[in-house]
PDB file of N, CA and C in Angstrom:
ATOM      1  N   UNK A   1      38.687 -44.674  43.586  1.00  0.00           N
ATOM      2  CA  UNK A   1      38.563 -43.257  43.786  1.00  0.00           C
ATOM      3  C   UNK A   1      38.126 -43.039  45.237  1.00  0.00           C
ATOM      4  N   UNK A   2      38.723 -42.055  45.842  1.00  0.00           N
ATOM      5  CA  UNK A   2      38.345 -41.860  47.239  1.00  0.00           C
ATOM      6  C   UNK A   2      37.029 -41.096  47.320  1.00  0.00           C
ATOM      7  N   UNK A   3      36.425 -41.143  48.466  1.00  0.00           N
ATOM      8  CA  UNK A   3      35.100 -40.614  48.703  1.00  0.00           C
ATOM      9  C   UNK A   3      35.026 -39.096  48.444  1.00  0.00           C
ATOM     10  N   UNK A   4      36.023 -38.340  48.864  1.00  0.00           N
ATOM     11  CA  UNK A   4      36.018 -36.883  48.692  1.00  0.00           C
ATOM     12  C   UNK A   4      36.060 -36.490  47.203  1.00  0.00           C
ATOM     13  N   UNK A   5      36.866 -37.183  46.468  1.00  0.00           N
ATOM     14  CA  UNK A   5      36.959 -36.900  45.034  1.00  0.00           C
ATOM     15  C   UNK A   5      35.643 -37.219  44.343  1.00  0.00           C
ATOM     16  N   UNK A   6      35.046 -38.334  44.724  1.00  0.00           N
ATOM     17  CA  UNK A   6      33.763 -38.722  44.139  1.00  0.00           C
ATOM     18  C   UNK A   6      32.691 -37.672  44.455  1.00  0.00           C
ATOM     19  N   UNK A   7      32.616 -37.221  45.694  1.00  0.00           N
ATOM     20  CA  UNK A   7      31.645 -36.189  46.080  1.00  0.00           C
ATOM     21  C   UNK A   7      31.907 -34.895  45.311  1.00  0.00           C
ATOM     22  N   UNK A   8      33.177 -34.543  45.192  1.00  0.00           N
ATOM     23  CA  UNK A   8      33.531 -33.327  44.461  1.00  0.00           C
ATOM     24  C   UNK A   8      33.089 -33.426  42.996  1.00  0.00           C
ATOM     25  N   UNK A   9      33.346 -34.577  42.386  1.00  0.00           N
ATOM     26  CA  UNK A   9      32.950 -34.777  40.997  1.00  0.00           C
ATOM     27  C   UNK A   9      31.436 -34.789  40.833  1.00  0.00           C
ATOM     28  N   UNK A  10      30.713 -35.372  41.788  1.00  0.00           N
ATOM     29  CA  UNK A  10      29.253 -35.375  41.747  1.00  0.00           C
ATOM     30  C   UNK A  10      28.704 -33.949  41.861  1.00  0.00           C
ATOM     31  N   UNK A  11      29.302 -33.167  42.782  1.00  0.00           N
ATOM     32  CA  UNK A  11      28.880 -31.771  42.936  1.00  0.00           C
ATOM     33  C   UNK A  11      29.188 -30.973  41.663  1.00  0.00           C
ATOM     34  N   UNK A  12      30.348 -31.213  41.087  1.00  0.00           N
ATOM     35  CA  UNK A  12      30.737 -30.539  39.860  1.00  0.00           C
ATOM     36  C   UNK A  12      29.788 -30.911  38.718  1.00  0.00           C
ATOM     37  N   UNK A  13      29.452 -32.190  38.653  1.00  0.00           N
ATOM     38  CA  UNK A  13      28.516 -32.652  37.639  1.00  0.00           C
ATOM     39  C   UNK A  13      27.154 -31.991  37.829  1.00  0.00           C
ATOM     40  N   UNK A  14      26.679 -31.932  39.060  1.00  0.00           N
ATOM     41  CA  UNK A  14      25.396 -31.300  39.364  1.00  0.00           C
ATOM     42  C   UNK A  14      25.427 -29.822  39.001  1.00  0.00           C
ATOM     43  N   UNK A  15      26.513 -29.156  39.364  1.00  0.00           N
ATOM     44  CA  UNK A  15      26.660 -27.735  39.061  1.00  0.00           C
ATOM     45  C   UNK A  15      26.673 -27.493  37.546  1.00  0.00           C
ATOM     46  N   UNK A  16      27.420 -28.288  36.828  1.00  0.00           N
ATOM     47  CA  UNK A  16      27.498 -28.151  35.366  1.00  0.00           C
ATOM     48  C   UNK A  16      26.134 -28.418  34.737  1.00  0.00           C
ATOM     49  N   UNK A  17      25.440 -29.449  35.200  1.00  0.00           N
ATOM     50  CA  UNK A  17      24.115 -29.784  34.670  1.00  0.00           C
ATOM     51  C   UNK A  17      23.127 -28.654  34.934  1.00  0.00           C
ATOM     52  N   UNK A  18      23.122 -28.132  36.162  1.00  0.00           N
ATOM     53  CA  UNK A  18      22.213 -27.036  36.491  1.00  0.00           C
ATOM     54  C   UNK A  18      22.551 -25.784  35.678  1.00  0.00           C
ATOM     55  N   UNK A  19      23.827 -25.512  35.533  1.00  0.00           N
ATOM     56  CA  UNK A  19      24.254 -24.355  34.756  1.00  0.00           C
ATOM     57  C   UNK A  19      23.840 -24.512  33.294  1.00  0.00           C
ATOM     58  N   UNK A  20      24.051 -25.695  32.771  1.00  0.00           N
ATOM     59  CA  UNK A  20      23.655 -25.976  31.386  1.00  0.00           C
ATOM     60  C   UNK A  20      22.152 -25.820  31.211  1.00  0.00           C
ATOM     61  N   UNK A  21      21.373 -26.385  32.136  1.00  0.00           N
ATOM     62  CA  UNK A  21      19.914 -26.307  32.049  1.00  0.00           C
ATOM     63  C   UNK A  21      19.429 -24.858  32.137  1.00  0.00           C
ATOM     64  N   UNK A  22      20.070 -24.079  33.012  1.00  0.00           N
ATOM     65  CA  UNK A  22      19.714 -22.663  33.140  1.00  0.00           C
ATOM     66  C   UNK A  22      20.004 -21.930  31.838  1.00  0.00           C
ATOM     67  N   UNK A  23      21.175 -22.168  31.271  1.00  0.00           N
ATOM     68  CA  UNK A  23      21.535 -21.532  30.003  1.00  0.00           C
ATOM     69  C   UNK A  23      20.597 -21.983  28.886  1.00  0.00           C
ATOM     70  N   UNK A  24      20.257 -23.254  28.882  1.00  0.00           N
ATOM     71  CA  UNK A  24      19.350 -23.778  27.857  1.00  0.00           C
ATOM     72  C   UNK A  24      17.974 -23.139  27.999  1.00  0.00           C
ATOM     73  N   UNK A  25      17.486 -22.992  29.233  1.00  0.00           N
ATOM     74  CA  UNK A  25      16.193 -22.332  29.453  1.00  0.00           C
ATOM     75  C   UNK A  25      16.234 -20.878  28.992  1.00  0.00           C
ATOM     76  N   UNK A  26      17.330 -20.172  29.329  1.00  0.00           N
ATOM     77  CA  UNK A  26      17.488 -18.783  28.887  1.00  0.00           C
ATOM     78  C   UNK A  26      17.496 -18.699  27.361  1.00  0.00           C
ATOM     79  N   UNK A  27      18.215 -19.589  26.736  1.00  0.00           N
ATOM     80  CA  UNK A  27      18.286 -19.604  25.277  1.00  0.00           C
ATOM     81  C   UNK A  27      16.919 -19.897  24.670  1.00  0.00           C
ATOM     82  N   UNK A  28      16.192 -20.844  25.254  1.00  0.00           N
ATOM     83  CA  UNK A  28      14.843 -21.157  24.757  1.00  0.00           C
ATOM     84  C   UNK A  28      13.923 -19.951  24.870  1.00  0.00           C
ATOM     85  N   UNK A  29      14.007 -19.226  25.988  1.00  0.00           N
ATOM     86  CA  UNK A  29      13.202 -18.025  26.156  1.00  0.00           C
ATOM     87  C   UNK A  29      13.561 -16.976  25.107  1.00  0.00           C
ATOM     88  N   UNK A  30      14.849 -16.769  24.916  1.00  0.00           N
ATOM     89  CA  UNK A  30      15.297 -15.781  23.929  1.00  0.00           C
ATOM     90  C   UNK A  30      14.864 -16.164  22.522  1.00  0.00           C
ATOM     91  N   UNK A  31      15.007 -17.423  22.181  1.00  0.00           N
ATOM     92  CA  UNK A  31      14.582 -17.898  20.860  1.00  0.00           C
ATOM     93  C   UNK A  31      13.075 -17.722  20.713  1.00  0.00           C
ATOM     94  N   UNK A  32      12.343 -17.998  21.777  1.00  0.00           N
ATOM     95  CA  UNK A  32      10.888 -17.822  21.740  1.00  0.00           C
ATOM     96  C   UNK A  32      10.504 -16.372  21.493  1.00  0.00           C
ATOM     97  N   UNK A  33      11.207 -15.454  22.158  1.00  0.00           N
ATOM     98  CA  UNK A  33      10.940 -14.025  21.970  1.00  0.00           C
ATOM     99  C   UNK A  33      11.253 -13.610  20.538  1.00  0.00           C
ATOM    100  N   UNK A  34      12.398 -14.051  20.032  1.00  0.00           N
ATOM    101  CA  UNK A  34      12.777 -13.721  18.655  1.00  0.00           C
ATOM    102  C   UNK A  34      11.770 -14.319  17.679  1.00  0.00           C
ATOM    103  N   UNK A  35      11.338 -15.545  17.937  1.00  0.00           N
ATOM    104  CA  UNK A  35      10.360 -16.197  17.065  1.00  0.00           C
ATOM    105  C   UNK A  35       9.045 -15.423  17.045  1.00  0.00           C
ATOM    106  N   UNK A  36       8.562 -15.003  18.224  1.00  0.00           N
ATOM    107  CA  UNK A  36       7.310 -14.246  18.294  1.00  0.00           C
ATOM    108  C   UNK A  36       7.429 -12.934  17.518  1.00  0.00           C
ATOM    109  N   UNK A  37       8.545 -12.236  17.668  1.00  0.00           N
ATOM    110  CA  UNK A  37       8.753 -10.980  16.944  1.00  0.00           C
ATOM    111  C   UNK A  37       8.803 -11.239  15.435  1.00  0.00           C
ATOM    112  N   UNK A  38       9.483 -12.291  15.048  1.00  0.00           N
ATOM    113  CA  UNK A  38       9.572 -12.660  13.635  1.00  0.00           C
ATOM    114  C   UNK A  38       8.181 -12.994  13.095  1.00  0.00           C
ATOM    115  N   UNK A  39       7.392 -13.720  13.881  1.00  0.00           N
ATOM    116  CA  UNK A  39       6.035 -14.084  13.457  1.00  0.00           C
ATOM    117  C   UNK A  39       5.177 -12.845  13.287  1.00  0.00           C
ATOM    118  N   UNK A  40       5.315 -11.867  14.197  1.00  0.00           N
ATOM    119  CA  UNK A  40       4.560 -10.614  14.070  1.00  0.00           C
ATOM    120  C   UNK A  40       4.919  -9.898  12.778  1.00  0.00           C
ATOM    121  N   UNK A  41       6.190  -9.881  12.467  1.00  0.00           N
ATOM    122  CA  UNK A  41       6.629  -9.207  11.244  1.00  0.00           C
ATOM    123  C   UNK A  41       6.132  -9.938  10.004  1.00  0.00           C
ATOM    124  N   UNK A  42       6.149 -11.255  10.044  1.00  0.00           N
ATOM    125  CA  UNK A  42       5.622 -12.037   8.919  1.00  0.00           C
ATOM    126  C   UNK A  42       4.134 -11.743   8.752  1.00  0.00           C
ATOM    127  N   UNK A  43       3.405 -11.680   9.874  1.00  0.00           N
ATOM    128  CA  UNK A  43       1.972 -11.374   9.808  1.00  0.00           C
ATOM    129  C   UNK A  43       1.736 -10.004   9.180  1.00  0.00           C
ATOM    130  N   UNK A  44       2.586  -9.019   9.512  1.00  0.00           N
ATOM    131  CA  UNK A  44       2.464  -7.689   8.919  1.00  0.00           C
ATOM    132  C   UNK A  44       2.712  -7.735   7.409  1.00  0.00           C
ATOM    133  N   UNK A  45       3.700  -8.517   7.002  1.00  0.00           N
ATOM    134  CA  UNK A  45       3.993  -8.650   5.567  1.00  0.00           C
ATOM    135  C   UNK A  45       2.818  -9.311   4.851  1.00  0.00           C
ATOM    136  N   UNK A  46       2.267 -10.345   5.450  1.00  0.00           N
ATOM    137  CA  UNK A  46       1.116 -11.032   4.857  1.00  0.00           C
ATOM    138  C   UNK A  46      -0.062 -10.072   4.738  1.00  0.00           C
ATOM    139  N   UNK A  47      -0.303  -9.303   5.798  1.00  0.00           N
ATOM    140  CA  UNK A  47      -1.395  -8.333   5.772  1.00  0.00           C
ATOM    141  C   UNK A  47      -1.165  -7.294   4.676  1.00  0.00           C
ATOM    142  N   UNK A  48       0.073  -6.843   4.545  1.00  0.00           N
ATOM    143  CA  UNK A  48       0.400  -5.888   3.491  1.00  0.00           C
ATOM    144  C   UNK A  48       0.149  -6.458   2.108  1.00  0.00           C
ATOM    145  N   UNK A  49       0.489  -7.719   1.923  1.00  0.00           N
ATOM    146  CA  UNK A  49       0.261  -8.360   0.621  1.00  0.00           C
ATOM    147  C   UNK A  49      -1.236  -8.494   0.333  1.00  0.00           C
ATOM    148  N   UNK A  50      -2.011  -8.777   1.367  1.00  0.00           N
ATOM    149  CA  UNK A  50      -3.454  -8.881   1.173  1.00  0.00           C
ATOM    150  C   UNK A  50      -4.036  -7.537   0.738  1.00  0.00           C
ATOM    151  N   UNK A  51      -3.566  -6.462   1.366  1.00  0.00           N
ATOM    152  CA  UNK A  51      -4.021  -5.120   0.982  1.00  0.00           C
ATOM    153  C   UNK A  51      -3.619  -4.832  -0.461  1.00  0.00           C
ATOM    154  N   UNK A  52      -2.367  -5.149  -0.811  1.00  0.00           N
ATOM    155  CA  UNK A  52      -1.906  -4.926  -2.182  1.00  0.00           C
ATOM    156  C   UNK A  52      -2.712  -5.749  -3.181  1.00  0.00           C
ATOM    157  N   UNK A  53      -3.010  -6.990  -2.836  1.00  0.00           N
ATOM    158  CA  UNK A  53      -3.821  -7.834  -3.724  1.00  0.00           C
ATOM    159  C   UNK A  53      -5.185  -7.195  -3.984  1.00  0.00           C
ATOM    160  N   UNK A  54      -5.820  -6.682  -2.911  1.00  0.00           N
ATOM    161  CA  UNK A  54      -7.129  -6.038  -3.080  1.00  0.00           C
ATOM    162  C   UNK A  54      -7.005  -4.800  -3.972  1.00  0.00           C
ATOM    163  N   UNK A  55      -5.962  -4.012  -3.729  1.00  0.00           N
ATOM    164  CA  UNK A  55      -5.783  -2.808  -4.542  1.00  0.00           C
ATOM    165  C   UNK A  55      -5.534  -3.162  -6.003  1.00  0.00           C
ATOM    166  N   UNK A  56      -4.745  -4.192  -6.241  1.00  0.00           N
ATOM    167  CA  UNK A  56      -4.483  -4.633  -7.619  1.00  0.00           C
ATOM    168  C   UNK A  56      -5.777  -5.106  -8.274  1.00  0.00           C
ATOM    169  N   UNK A  57      -6.582  -5.871  -7.531  1.00  0.00           N
ATOM    170  CA  UNK A  57      -7.860  -6.341  -8.084  1.00  0.00           C
ATOM    171  C   UNK A  57      -8.777  -5.166  -8.418  1.00  0.00           C
ATOM    172  N   UNK A  58      -8.832  -4.170  -7.512  1.00  0.00           N
ATOM    173  CA  UNK A  58      -9.666  -2.987  -7.766  1.00  0.00           C
ATOM    174  C   UNK A  58      -9.158  -2.235  -8.995  1.00  0.00           C
ATOM    175  N   UNK A  59      -7.843  -2.085  -9.094  1.00  0.00           N
ATOM    176  CA  UNK A  59      -7.265  -1.388 -10.242  1.00  0.00           C
ATOM    177  C   UNK A  59      -7.546  -2.146 -11.531  1.00  0.00           C
ATOM    178  N   UNK A  60      -7.450  -3.459 -11.482  1.00  0.00           N
ATOM    179  CA  UNK A  60      -7.739  -4.283 -12.658  1.00  0.00           C
ATOM    180  C   UNK A  60      -9.183  -4.097 -13.108  1.00  0.00           C
ATOM    181  N   UNK A  61     -10.107  -4.106 -12.137  1.00  0.00           N
ATOM    182  CA  UNK A  61     -11.517  -3.902 -12.481  1.00  0.00           C
ATOM    183  C   UNK A  61     -11.729  -2.522 -13.101  1.00  0.00           C
ATOM    184  N   UNK A  62     -11.073  -1.517 -12.538  1.00  0.00           N
ATOM    185  CA  UNK A  62     -11.199  -0.161 -13.071  1.00  0.00           C
ATOM    186  C   UNK A  62     -10.642  -0.074 -14.493  1.00  0.00           C
ATOM    187  N   UNK A  63      -9.494  -0.699 -14.721  1.00  0.00           N
ATOM    188  CA  UNK A  63      -8.880  -0.680 -16.055  1.00  0.00           C
ATOM    189  C   UNK A  63      -9.767  -1.404 -17.060  1.00  0.00           C
ATOM    190  N   UNK A  64     -10.317  -2.541 -16.676  1.00  0.00           N
ATOM    191  CA  UNK A  64     -11.202  -3.291 -17.575  1.00  0.00           C
ATOM    192  C   UNK A  64     -12.422  -2.444 -17.923  1.00  0.00           C
ATOM    193  N   UNK A  65     -12.995  -1.783 -16.916  1.00  0.00           N
ATOM    194  CA  UNK A  65     -14.151  -0.914 -17.165  1.00  0.00           C
ATOM    195  C   UNK A  65     -13.785   0.210 -18.127  1.00  0.00           C
ATOM    196  N   UNK A  66     -12.649   0.857 -17.882  1.00  0.00           N
ATOM    197  CA  UNK A  66     -12.201   1.962 -18.747  1.00  0.00           C
ATOM    198  C   UNK A  66     -11.972   1.470 -20.178  1.00  0.00           C
ATOM    199  N   UNK A  67     -11.353   0.308 -20.331  1.00  0.00           N
ATOM    200  CA  UNK A  67     -11.108  -0.238 -21.672  1.00  0.00           C
ATOM    201  C   UNK A  67     -12.413  -0.528 -22.404  1.00  0.00           C
ATOM    202  N   UNK A  68     -13.400  -1.033 -21.689  1.00  0.00           N
ATOM    203  CA  UNK A  68     -14.693  -1.294 -22.323  1.00  0.00           C
ATOM    204  C   UNK A  68     -15.314   0.012 -22.803  1.00  0.00           C
ATOM    205  N   UNK A  69     -15.221   1.046 -21.973  1.00  0.00           N
ATOM    206  CA  UNK A  69     -15.753   2.351 -22.380  1.00  0.00           C
ATOM    207  C   UNK A  69     -15.018   2.893 -23.604  1.00  0.00           C
ATOM    208  N   UNK A  70     -13.691   2.772 -23.602  1.00  0.00           N
ATOM    209  CA  UNK A  70     -12.891   3.256 -24.731  1.00  0.00           C
ATOM    210  C   UNK A  70     -13.250   2.502 -26.004  1.00  0.00           C
ATOM    211  N   UNK A  71     -13.393   1.192 -25.900  1.00  0.00           N
ATOM    212  CA  UNK A  71     -13.762   0.395 -27.076  1.00  0.00           C
ATOM    213  C   UNK A  71     -15.134   0.808 -27.609  1.00  0.00           C
ATOM    214  N   UNK A  72     -16.073   1.033 -26.689  1.00  0.00           N
ATOM    215  CA  UNK A  72     -17.413   1.449 -27.126  1.00  0.00           C
ATOM    216  C   UNK A  72     -17.348   2.797 -27.826  1.00  0.00           C
ATOM    217  N   UNK A  73     -16.570   3.746 -27.274  1.00  0.00           N
ATOM    218  CA  UNK A  73     -16.432   5.059 -27.912  1.00  0.00           C
ATOM    219  C   UNK A  73     -15.752   4.935 -29.262  1.00  0.00           C
ATOM    220  N   UNK A  74     -14.743   4.065 -29.357  1.00  0.00           N
ATOM    221  CA  UNK A  74     -14.031   3.896 -30.625  1.00  0.00           C
ATOM    222  C   UNK A  74     -14.958   3.334 -31.694  1.00  0.00           C
ATOM    223  N   UNK A  75     -15.814   2.387 -31.329  1.00  0.00           N
ATOM    224  CA  UNK A  75     -16.763   1.828 -32.308  1.00  0.00           C
ATOM    225  C   UNK A  75     -17.661   2.932 -32.857  1.00  0.00           C
ATOM    226  N   UNK A  76     -18.156   3.749 -31.932  1.00  0.00           N
ATOM    227  CA  UNK A  76     -19.022   4.853 -32.359  1.00  0.00           C
ATOM    228  C   UNK A  76     -18.256   5.819 -33.256  1.00  0.00           C
ATOM    229  N   UNK A  77     -17.048   6.172 -32.844  1.00  0.00           N
ATOM    230  CA  UNK A  77     -16.248   7.105 -33.640  1.00  0.00           C
ATOM    231  C   UNK A  77     -15.904   6.525 -35.010  1.00  0.00           C
ATOM    232  N   UNK A  78     -15.555   5.249 -35.061  1.00  0.00           N
ATOM    233  CA  UNK A  78     -15.235   4.626 -36.341  1.00  0.00           C
ATOM    234  C   UNK A  78     -16.462   4.536 -37.250  1.00  0.00           C
ATOM    235  N   UNK A  79     -17.621   4.252 -36.656  1.00  0.00           N
ATOM    236  CA  UNK A  79     -18.845   4.215 -37.469  1.00  0.00           C
ATOM    237  C   UNK A  79     -19.118   5.594 -38.051  1.00  0.00           C
ATOM    238  N   UNK A  80     -18.958   6.623 -37.201  1.00  0.00           N
ATOM    239  CA  UNK A  80     -19.176   7.997 -37.664  1.00  0.00           C
ATOM    240  C   UNK A  80     -18.159   8.361 -38.745  1.00  0.00           C
ATOM    241  N   UNK A  81     -16.910   8.011 -38.523  1.00  0.00           N
ATOM    242  CA  UNK A  81     -15.864   8.299 -39.507  1.00  0.00           C
ATOM    243  C   UNK A  81     -16.130   7.556 -40.816  1.00  0.00           C
ATOM    244  N   UNK A  82     -16.527   6.297 -40.713  1.00  0.00           N
ATOM    245  CA  UNK A  82     -16.843   5.509 -41.901  1.00  0.00           C
ATOM    246  C   UNK A  82     -17.996   6.152 -42.670  1.00  0.00           C
ATOM    247  N   UNK A  83     -19.000   6.589 -41.947  1.00  0.00           N
ATOM    248  CA  UNK A  83     -20.146   7.246 -42.586  1.00  0.00           C
ATOM    249  C   UNK A  83     -19.693   8.520 -43.307  1.00  0.00           C
ATOM    250  N   UNK A  84     -18.869   9.323 -42.662  1.00  0.00           N
ATOM    251  CA  UNK A  84     -18.372  10.558 -43.284  1.00  0.00           C
ATOM    252  C   UNK A  84     -17.545  10.270 -44.538  1.00  0.00           C
ATOM    253  N   UNK A  85     -16.706   9.244 -44.456  1.00  0.00           N
ATOM    254  CA  UNK A  85     -15.895   8.884 -45.626  1.00  0.00           C
ATOM    255  C   UNK A  85     -16.777   8.442 -46.792  1.00  0.00           C
ATOM    256  N   UNK A  86     -17.805   7.672 -46.497  1.00  0.00           N
ATOM    257  CA  UNK A  86     -18.722   7.212 -47.555  1.00  0.00           C
ATOM    258  C   UNK A  86     -19.442   8.393 -48.189  1.00  0.00           C
ATOM    259  N   UNK A  87     -19.841   9.354 -47.348  1.00  0.00           N
ATOM    260  CA  UNK A  87     -20.492  10.559 -47.872  1.00  0.00           C
ATOM    261  C   UNK A  87     -19.541  11.306 -48.789  1.00  0.00           C
ATOM    262  N   UNK A  88     -18.293  11.465 -48.345  1.00  0.00           N
ATOM    263  CA  UNK A  88     -17.290  12.161 -49.163  1.00  0.00           C
ATOM    264  C   UNK A  88     -17.014  11.415 -50.470  1.00  0.00           C
ATOM    265  N   UNK A  89     -16.936  10.096 -50.389  1.00  0.00           N
ATOM    266  CA  UNK A  89     -16.696   9.314 -51.601  1.00  0.00           C
ATOM    267  C   UNK A  89     -17.849   9.423 -52.590  1.00  0.00           C
ATOM    268  N   UNK A  90     -19.076   9.475 -52.068  1.00  0.00           N
ATOM    269  CA  UNK A  90     -20.232   9.631 -52.952  1.00  0.00           C
ATOM    270  C   UNK A  90     -20.244  11.013 -53.615  1.00  0.00           C
ATOM    271  N   UNK A  91     -19.850  12.016 -52.862  1.00  0.00           N
ATOM    272  CA  UNK A  91     -19.807  13.370 -53.418  1.00  0.00           C
ATOM    273  C   UNK A  91     -18.734  13.474 -54.501  1.00  0.00           C
ATOM    274  N   UNK A  92     -17.658  12.735 -54.302  1.00  0.00           N
ATOM    275  CA  UNK A  92     -16.563  12.742 -55.265  1.00  0.00           C
ATOM    276  C   UNK A  92     -16.938  12.035 -56.549  1.00  0.00           C
ATOM    277  N   UNK A  93     -17.783  11.016 -56.451  1.00  0.00           N
ATOM    278  CA  UNK A  93     -18.119  10.213 -57.629  1.00  0.00           C
ATOM    279  C   UNK A  93     -19.036  10.874 -58.579  1.00  0.00           C
TER     280      UNK A  93
END
């Protein structure tokens, strides 16, 4: 191979390598930006789930409290109803 062709090919190789490296750096930067944005969105979703978990736990505690109150009222009402029925049955006898 003659000297001029070799120099031309070396320059072409250098140019292609530099161009490739520049494109690769640009792509890495773009991917990094997209990754950071994606990570921010994931963090927002995680934060939202944490808020929902707390709200669900609070609602569960409230429901459990309400059910306990309802059960206590029902016991009282059933005792009162049972007493009234016994009184009525005695009057009937």
